[in-house]
């Protein structure tokens, strides 16, 4: 398979450890805190939702609540 040329794209199923994992974690944290969803991060990196979720929690990121803005009842 040809490389895609992006630093965050990885081979599916390949273990990510050491400095490569730390670099990926920093990138994921930056993108998540700027508003990208876990699902979007997973899709763009070729990793699973669970992997991205685990890396973010290991990095100490406070995850956003699920769902969008709630509608307020009219008074």
N, C-alpha and C. Protein backbone atom coordinates (compact mmCIF):
# COMPACT_ATOMS: atom_id res chain seq x y z
N UNK A 1 0.83 -1.18 0.00
CA UNK A 1 0.00 0.00 0.00
C UNK A 1 0.87 1.25 0.00
N UNK A 2 0.42 2.27 -0.68
CA UNK A 2 1.16 3.52 -0.74
C UNK A 2 0.85 4.37 0.49
N UNK A 3 1.84 5.09 0.93
CA UNK A 3 1.64 5.99 2.07
C UNK A 3 0.82 7.19 1.62
N UNK A 4 0.00 7.68 2.52
CA UNK A 4 -0.86 8.81 2.19
C UNK A 4 -0.14 10.14 2.34
N UNK A 5 0.98 10.14 3.04
CA UNK A 5 1.74 11.37 3.18
C UNK A 5 1.35 12.22 4.38
N UNK A 6 0.35 11.81 5.15
CA UNK A 6 -0.03 12.58 6.33
C UNK A 6 0.61 11.96 7.55
N UNK A 7 0.98 12.80 8.48
CA UNK A 7 1.64 12.32 9.69
C UNK A 7 0.69 11.55 10.59
N UNK A 8 -0.62 11.84 10.51
CA UNK A 8 -1.56 11.21 11.42
C UNK A 8 -2.17 9.94 10.85
N UNK A 9 -1.98 9.67 9.58
CA UNK A 9 -2.54 8.46 8.98
C UNK A 9 -1.62 7.29 9.29
N UNK A 10 -2.18 6.20 9.77
CA UNK A 10 -1.38 5.03 10.13
C UNK A 10 -2.00 3.79 9.53
N UNK A 11 -1.19 2.74 9.44
CA UNK A 11 -1.70 1.48 8.93
C UNK A 11 -2.71 0.92 9.92
N UNK A 12 -3.81 0.45 9.40
CA UNK A 12 -4.87 -0.08 10.25
C UNK A 12 -4.36 -1.32 10.99
N UNK A 13 -4.57 -1.31 12.30
CA UNK A 13 -4.20 -2.47 13.11
C UNK A 13 -2.77 -2.48 13.61
N UNK A 14 -1.93 -1.59 13.09
CA UNK A 14 -0.53 -1.56 13.52
C UNK A 14 -0.44 -0.90 14.89
N UNK A 15 0.37 -1.46 15.77
CA UNK A 15 0.54 -0.90 17.11
C UNK A 15 1.25 0.44 17.04
N UNK A 16 0.76 1.38 17.82
CA UNK A 16 1.37 2.70 17.91
C UNK A 16 1.93 2.83 19.33
N UNK A 17 3.26 2.88 19.44
CA UNK A 17 3.89 2.92 20.77
C UNK A 17 5.01 3.95 20.79
N UNK A 18 5.46 4.26 21.98
CA UNK A 18 6.62 5.12 22.18
C UNK A 18 6.40 6.54 21.70
N UNK A 19 7.44 7.08 21.06
CA UNK A 19 7.40 8.48 20.64
C UNK A 19 6.36 8.71 19.56
N UNK A 20 6.10 7.71 18.73
CA UNK A 20 5.07 7.84 17.70
C UNK A 20 3.69 8.03 18.34
N UNK A 21 3.43 7.27 19.42
CA UNK A 21 2.16 7.40 20.12
C UNK A 21 2.03 8.76 20.79
N UNK A 22 3.13 9.25 21.38
CA UNK A 22 3.12 10.56 22.03
C UNK A 22 2.86 11.67 21.01
N UNK A 23 3.46 11.55 19.84
CA UNK A 23 3.26 12.54 18.79
C UNK A 23 1.82 12.52 18.32
N UNK A 24 1.28 11.32 18.10
CA UNK A 24 -0.11 11.18 17.68
C UNK A 24 -1.04 11.72 18.76
N UNK A 25 -0.74 11.43 20.03
CA UNK A 25 -1.58 11.91 21.14
C UNK A 25 -1.62 13.43 21.17
N UNK A 26 -0.47 14.09 21.00
CA UNK A 26 -0.43 15.55 21.01
C UNK A 26 -1.29 16.12 19.89
N UNK A 27 -1.19 15.51 18.71
CA UNK A 27 -1.99 15.96 17.57
C UNK A 27 -3.48 15.77 17.82
N UNK A 28 -3.85 14.60 18.36
CA UNK A 28 -5.26 14.32 18.64
C UNK A 28 -5.81 15.27 19.70
N UNK A 29 -5.03 15.53 20.74
CA UNK A 29 -5.47 16.45 21.81
C UNK A 29 -5.71 17.84 21.23
N UNK A 30 -4.77 18.31 20.43
CA UNK A 30 -4.89 19.65 19.83
C UNK A 30 -6.15 19.73 18.96
N UNK A 31 -6.37 18.72 18.14
CA UNK A 31 -7.53 18.74 17.24
C UNK A 31 -8.84 18.58 18.00
N UNK A 32 -8.85 17.73 19.05
CA UNK A 32 -10.07 17.53 19.83
C UNK A 32 -10.43 18.79 20.60
N UNK A 33 -9.45 19.43 21.21
CA UNK A 33 -9.73 20.63 21.99
C UNK A 33 -10.12 21.81 21.09
N UNK A 34 -9.77 21.74 19.81
CA UNK A 34 -10.19 22.80 18.88
C UNK A 34 -11.57 22.53 18.30
N UNK A 35 -12.20 21.39 18.69
CA UNK A 35 -13.59 21.16 18.33
C UNK A 35 -13.90 19.95 17.49
N UNK A 36 -12.89 19.23 17.02
CA UNK A 36 -13.15 18.05 16.20
C UNK A 36 -13.70 16.92 17.07
N UNK A 37 -14.58 16.11 16.51
CA UNK A 37 -15.17 15.01 17.27
C UNK A 37 -14.24 13.80 17.29
N UNK A 38 -14.47 12.91 18.25
CA UNK A 38 -13.69 11.68 18.33
C UNK A 38 -13.89 10.86 17.07
N UNK A 39 -15.13 10.79 16.59
CA UNK A 39 -15.41 10.02 15.36
C UNK A 39 -14.66 10.58 14.16
N UNK A 40 -14.61 11.91 14.04
CA UNK A 40 -13.88 12.54 12.94
C UNK A 40 -12.38 12.27 13.05
N UNK A 41 -11.86 12.32 14.27
CA UNK A 41 -10.45 12.01 14.48
C UNK A 41 -10.14 10.57 14.12
N UNK A 42 -11.02 9.67 14.52
CA UNK A 42 -10.84 8.25 14.22
C UNK A 42 -10.84 8.02 12.70
N UNK A 43 -11.77 8.64 12.01
CA UNK A 43 -11.87 8.48 10.56
C UNK A 43 -10.63 9.03 9.85
N UNK A 44 -10.15 10.19 10.29
CA UNK A 44 -9.02 10.82 9.60
C UNK A 44 -7.69 10.12 9.88
N UNK A 45 -7.58 9.43 11.02
CA UNK A 45 -6.33 8.74 11.35
C UNK A 45 -6.35 7.27 10.98
N UNK A 46 -7.53 6.75 10.64
CA UNK A 46 -7.63 5.34 10.31
C UNK A 46 -7.60 4.43 11.53
N UNK A 47 -7.86 5.00 12.70
CA UNK A 47 -7.89 4.23 13.95
C UNK A 47 -9.33 4.10 14.41
N UNK A 48 -9.56 3.26 15.40
CA UNK A 48 -10.92 3.06 15.90
C UNK A 48 -11.31 4.18 16.86
N UNK A 49 -12.63 4.31 17.07
CA UNK A 49 -13.16 5.26 18.03
C UNK A 49 -12.56 4.97 19.41
N UNK A 50 -12.52 3.70 19.79
CA UNK A 50 -11.99 3.30 21.10
C UNK A 50 -10.53 3.68 21.28
N UNK A 51 -9.73 3.51 20.24
CA UNK A 51 -8.32 3.88 20.31
C UNK A 51 -8.17 5.37 20.56
N UNK A 52 -8.88 6.19 19.78
CA UNK A 52 -8.80 7.64 19.92
C UNK A 52 -9.29 8.06 21.30
N UNK A 53 -10.40 7.48 21.75
CA UNK A 53 -10.96 7.79 23.08
C UNK A 53 -9.93 7.47 24.16
N UNK A 54 -9.29 6.30 24.06
CA UNK A 54 -8.31 5.87 25.05
C UNK A 54 -7.09 6.80 25.06
N UNK A 55 -6.60 7.17 23.89
CA UNK A 55 -5.44 8.07 23.82
C UNK A 55 -5.77 9.43 24.43
N UNK A 56 -6.96 9.92 24.15
CA UNK A 56 -7.36 11.22 24.73
C UNK A 56 -7.47 11.14 26.24
N UNK A 57 -8.08 10.10 26.76
CA UNK A 57 -8.23 9.98 28.22
C UNK A 57 -6.87 9.75 28.89
N UNK A 58 -5.99 8.99 28.24
CA UNK A 58 -4.64 8.79 28.78
C UNK A 58 -3.86 10.11 28.83
N UNK A 59 -4.21 11.01 27.92
CA UNK A 59 -3.53 12.31 27.85
C UNK A 59 -4.12 13.32 28.82
N UNK A 60 -5.18 12.93 29.54
CA UNK A 60 -5.76 13.80 30.55
C UNK A 60 -6.77 14.80 30.02
N UNK A 61 -7.26 14.60 28.82
CA UNK A 61 -8.24 15.52 28.24
C UNK A 61 -9.60 15.29 28.89
N UNK A 62 -10.29 16.38 29.22
CA UNK A 62 -11.66 16.26 29.72
C UNK A 62 -12.56 16.18 28.50
N UNK A 63 -13.22 15.04 28.34
CA UNK A 63 -14.05 14.83 27.16
C UNK A 63 -15.34 15.63 27.25
N UNK A 64 -15.80 16.08 26.09
CA UNK A 64 -17.06 16.82 26.03
C UNK A 64 -18.21 15.87 26.26
N UNK A 65 -19.35 16.43 26.68
CA UNK A 65 -20.55 15.61 26.85
C UNK A 65 -21.09 15.23 25.49
N UNK A 66 -21.88 14.17 25.47
CA UNK A 66 -22.46 13.69 24.23
C UNK A 66 -23.57 14.61 23.77
N UNK A 67 -23.83 14.60 22.48
CA UNK A 67 -24.96 15.32 21.92
C UNK A 67 -24.69 16.79 21.67
N UNK A 68 -25.63 17.42 21.03
CA UNK A 68 -25.50 18.83 20.70
C UNK A 68 -26.15 19.71 21.75
N UNK A 69 -26.35 20.94 21.38
CA UNK A 69 -26.98 21.89 22.30
C UNK A 69 -28.44 21.49 22.53
N UNK A 70 -28.87 21.61 23.75
CA UNK A 70 -30.26 21.26 24.08
C UNK A 70 -31.16 22.45 23.84
N UNK A 71 -32.35 22.16 23.40
CA UNK A 71 -33.33 23.22 23.20
C UNK A 71 -34.02 23.53 24.52
N UNK A 72 -34.23 24.79 24.75
CA UNK A 72 -34.90 25.20 25.99
C UNK A 72 -36.40 25.22 25.75
N UNK A 73 -37.14 24.86 26.77
CA UNK A 73 -38.60 24.91 26.66
C UNK A 73 -39.06 26.36 26.66
N UNK A 74 -40.07 26.62 25.86
CA UNK A 74 -40.62 27.97 25.83
C UNK A 74 -41.46 28.17 27.08
N UNK A 75 -41.29 29.30 27.71
CA UNK A 75 -42.00 29.58 28.98
C UNK A 75 -43.44 29.95 28.76
